Structures are given as structure tokens and as C-alpha cells.
Protein backbone atom coordinates (compact mmCIF):
# COMPACT_ATOMS: atom_id res chain seq x y z
CA MET A 1 -71.21 -6.13 48.23
CA CYS A 2 -72.56 -7.54 51.47
CA HIS A 3 -76.21 -8.20 50.72
CA TYR A 4 -78.26 -10.53 52.93
CA VAL A 5 -75.18 -11.92 54.65
CA LEU A 6 -75.31 -10.40 58.14
CA GLU A 7 -78.49 -12.23 59.09
CA VAL A 8 -76.86 -15.65 58.61
CA VAL A 9 -73.27 -15.25 59.88
CA ASP A 10 -72.35 -16.17 63.47
CA ASP A 11 -70.97 -12.72 64.35
CA PRO A 12 -72.27 -9.80 62.26
CA ALA A 13 -70.01 -7.26 64.00
CA ALA A 14 -66.88 -9.34 63.33
CA THR A 15 -67.98 -9.79 59.72
CA LEU A 16 -68.34 -6.03 59.26
CA ARG A 17 -64.94 -5.43 60.87
CA GLU A 18 -63.34 -7.92 58.48
CA ILE A 19 -65.01 -6.32 55.48
CA ALA A 20 -63.77 -2.89 56.60
CA ARG A 21 -60.26 -4.27 57.11
CA THR A 22 -60.07 -5.65 53.57
CA LEU A 23 -61.32 -2.51 51.82
CA ARG A 24 -58.78 -0.42 49.98
CA PRO A 25 -58.31 3.14 51.28
CA GLY A 26 -61.33 5.10 50.08
CA GLY A 27 -63.13 1.86 49.19
CA GLN A 28 -66.86 1.47 49.60
CA VAL A 29 -69.11 -1.37 50.64
CA SER A 30 -72.82 -1.88 50.01
CA VAL A 31 -74.66 -3.51 52.93
CA ALA A 32 -78.26 -4.70 52.78
CA THR A 33 -79.98 -6.90 55.34
CA VAL A 34 -83.41 -7.90 56.56
CA ASN A 35 -85.03 -5.93 59.36
CA ARG A 36 -87.56 -7.21 61.84
CA ALA A 37 -90.28 -4.69 60.95
CA GLY A 38 -90.27 -5.77 57.31
CA ALA A 39 -90.40 -9.45 58.23
CA VAL A 40 -93.32 -8.88 60.64
CA LEU A 41 -95.26 -6.89 58.06
CA SER A 42 -94.57 -9.47 55.35
CA ARG A 43 -95.87 -12.35 57.48
CA ALA A 44 -98.92 -10.40 58.68
CA VAL A 45 -99.96 -9.33 55.17
CA ALA A 46 -99.48 -12.89 53.92
CA GLY A 47 -102.04 -14.08 56.49
CA HIS A 48 -99.63 -15.60 59.01
CA PRO A 49 -100.39 -13.69 62.24
CA VAL A 50 -98.81 -16.29 64.55
CA GLU A 51 -95.52 -16.10 62.65
CA ALA A 52 -95.75 -12.28 62.57
CA LEU A 53 -96.20 -12.16 66.35
CA ALA A 54 -93.27 -14.53 66.88
CA LEU A 55 -91.01 -12.29 64.80
CA LEU A 56 -92.29 -9.21 66.59
CA GLU A 57 -91.34 -10.83 69.90
CA ASP A 58 -87.93 -11.89 68.49
CA ARG A 59 -88.82 -15.59 68.50
CA ASP A 60 -88.29 -18.11 65.72
CA PRO A 61 -91.57 -18.20 63.75
CA ALA A 62 -91.02 -21.90 62.96
CA PRO A 63 -89.03 -23.44 65.85
CA GLY A 64 -89.22 -26.97 64.39
CA ARG A 65 -87.34 -26.04 61.21
CA ALA A 66 -84.16 -27.85 60.20
CA LYS A 67 -82.25 -24.63 59.44
CA PRO A 68 -81.80 -21.92 62.08
CA ALA A 69 -83.89 -18.78 61.76
CA ARG A 70 -82.32 -15.78 60.12
CA ARG A 71 -81.31 -12.90 62.33
CA ARG A 72 -83.60 -9.86 62.08
CA PHE A 73 -82.15 -6.44 62.75
CA THR A 74 -83.70 -3.45 64.48
CA PRO A 75 -82.45 0.16 64.49
CA ARG A 76 -80.61 -0.61 67.77
CA THR A 77 -78.74 -3.69 66.46
């Protein structure tokens, strides 16, 4: 299982390659991650339009935070 991992690793593509390399022949992996559209909608519905706009524009919605922002995926990434 690789759930909610790709948005926090340094190199998502390398992580997926390593997962594929370690699978047994015929093995399967379950991947789930956050997408940008869902994050934008979640912030907008919660009444945080400034944060929603920042996510829509691929900016950190809280640039002063101590932890880095999570990566948000789109259909192209």
C-alpha cells in the first residue's frame, strides 16, 4: 500500500519506481494521493477562499508554516 505518501516524498517518480522494483512478479500496489482539485474544493467549502486560491495557483496556502506544504497532483503530474 502506498497511500498518502507521494505528496510528501522528495521524488514521487523515484518512489514509484522503487515500489515497482520491489514487487513480486504479478504483484499489485494500491496508490492513493491528494489531488489539487480536491484540496481547492475542501478549502473553499470550509470558508477559506484565500487558501483555496493559493492551492489553485499551485502556491503554498500557508507560506509561514514550519512544515513544507504537501505536494498536490493534477492529471498531468
